Structures are given as C-alpha cells and as structure tokens.
Amino acid sequence: MTSTSESFLAFGGGRHLCPGRFFAAMELKMFMAYLVLNYDVKMPRDGVRPADEWLGPMSGPATRAHVLFRKRQVL
C-alpha cells in the first residue's frame, strides 16, 4: 500500500510522492484491526458477493453491496 508503481497513483509518484502515505496506511490498518476486534462482519443471508464495478481502467467494490455489522459483546 505504501510502495510506488505506475499502476497505483493514489499517493502520486516520483518527486511528488506523498510523504503522508505511511501515516495513511497505518490509519487504515488501525481501523481494520479495530473493526475486526470489535465487530462481527458478514454478508446478508444470500451470501453472494456483488461483482466489482469498473470506471475506465480501474475497478472497485460494488457500491450497492450490503454488509452486516454487529457490535461484539464485551465480557
């Protein structure tokens, strides 16, 4: 996520490479860790993952996908 390549330009490139890319990557990792530790995450009953959406040469997760989050009980 913090390495550079011509296929992923979210953090720029070359001399203009974002110095905050490491901070952004750490924030995302911390958020994901919090989510996994504190919530149960699952797909709805049908369990079918919607197809990715494409915008030109880039793809991303389906924007209309439904995901169920349930806060875990603290013991």
Protein backbone atom coordinates (compact mmCIF):
# COMPACT_ATOMS: atom_id res chain seq x y z
CA MET A 1 0.00 0.00 0.00
CA THR A 2 2.91 2.38 0.57
CA SER A 3 5.15 1.24 -2.28
CA THR A 4 5.08 3.10 -5.57
CA SER A 5 4.10 1.86 -9.00
CA GLU A 6 2.70 3.30 -12.20
CA SER A 7 -0.46 1.21 -11.79
CA PHE A 8 -1.40 2.78 -8.42
CA LEU A 9 -1.05 6.56 -8.28
CA ALA A 10 -3.19 7.40 -5.25
CA PHE A 11 -0.12 8.78 -3.45
CA GLY A 12 1.45 10.39 -6.50
CA GLY A 13 4.84 9.45 -7.79
CA GLY A 14 8.43 10.48 -8.33
CA ARG A 15 9.50 13.71 -6.65
CA HIS A 16 5.88 14.44 -5.72
CA LEU A 17 5.30 11.20 -3.81
CA CYS A 18 3.11 11.85 -0.78
CA PRO A 19 5.12 11.90 2.46
CA GLY A 20 1.95 11.07 4.41
CA ARG A 21 1.40 7.72 2.66
CA PHE A 22 2.88 5.78 5.59
CA PHE A 23 0.59 7.60 8.04
CA ALA A 24 -2.45 6.92 5.82
CA ALA A 25 -1.52 3.23 5.56
CA MET A 26 -1.13 2.95 9.35
CA GLU A 27 -4.50 4.65 9.93
CA LEU A 28 -6.20 2.16 7.60
CA LYS A 29 -4.53 -0.79 9.33
CA MET A 30 -5.56 0.50 12.76
CA PHE A 31 -9.16 0.99 11.60
CA MET A 32 -9.31 -2.53 10.15
CA ALA A 33 -7.86 -4.00 13.37
CA TYR A 34 -10.47 -2.13 15.44
CA LEU A 35 -13.25 -3.33 13.15
CA VAL A 36 -12.14 -6.98 13.29
CA LEU A 37 -11.70 -6.93 17.08
CA ASN A 38 -14.96 -5.16 17.93
CA TYR A 39 -17.49 -6.22 15.27
CA ASP A 40 -18.79 -9.36 13.61
CA VAL A 41 -18.88 -8.72 9.87
CA LYS A 42 -20.79 -10.88 7.40
CA MET A 43 -22.69 -10.85 4.14
CA PRO A 44 -26.51 -10.99 4.12
CA ARG A 45 -28.22 -14.39 4.05
CA ASP A 46 -27.80 -14.96 0.32
CA GLY A 47 -24.03 -14.59 0.76
CA VAL A 48 -23.50 -13.58 -2.85
CA ARG A 49 -20.73 -11.06 -3.37
CA PRO A 50 -21.75 -8.44 -5.95
CA ALA A 51 -19.50 -8.02 -8.96
CA ASP A 52 -16.85 -5.29 -8.86
CA GLU A 53 -17.68 -2.01 -10.56
CA TRP A 54 -15.42 -0.62 -13.27
CA LEU A 55 -14.70 3.01 -14.00
CA GLY A 56 -12.42 3.11 -17.02
CA PRO A 57 -9.31 1.05 -16.27
CA MET A 58 -9.95 0.98 -12.51
CA SER A 59 -12.18 -1.38 -10.55
CA GLY A 60 -13.57 -1.14 -7.07
CA PRO A 61 -16.03 -2.91 -4.81
CA ALA A 62 -19.71 -2.70 -5.64
CA THR A 63 -21.15 0.50 -4.17
CA ARG A 64 -24.55 -1.13 -3.61
CA ALA A 65 -23.22 -4.12 -1.69
CA HIS A 66 -24.74 -4.83 1.71
CA VAL A 67 -22.60 -5.91 4.65
CA LEU A 68 -23.90 -6.66 8.13
CA PHE A 69 -22.02 -5.33 11.17
CA ARG A 70 -22.85 -6.42 14.71
CA LYS A 71 -21.05 -5.00 17.74
CA ARG A 72 -19.46 -7.77 19.79
CA GLN A 73 -20.39 -8.17 23.43
CA VAL A 74 -17.68 -7.15 25.88
CA LEU A 75 -17.11 -9.78 28.55
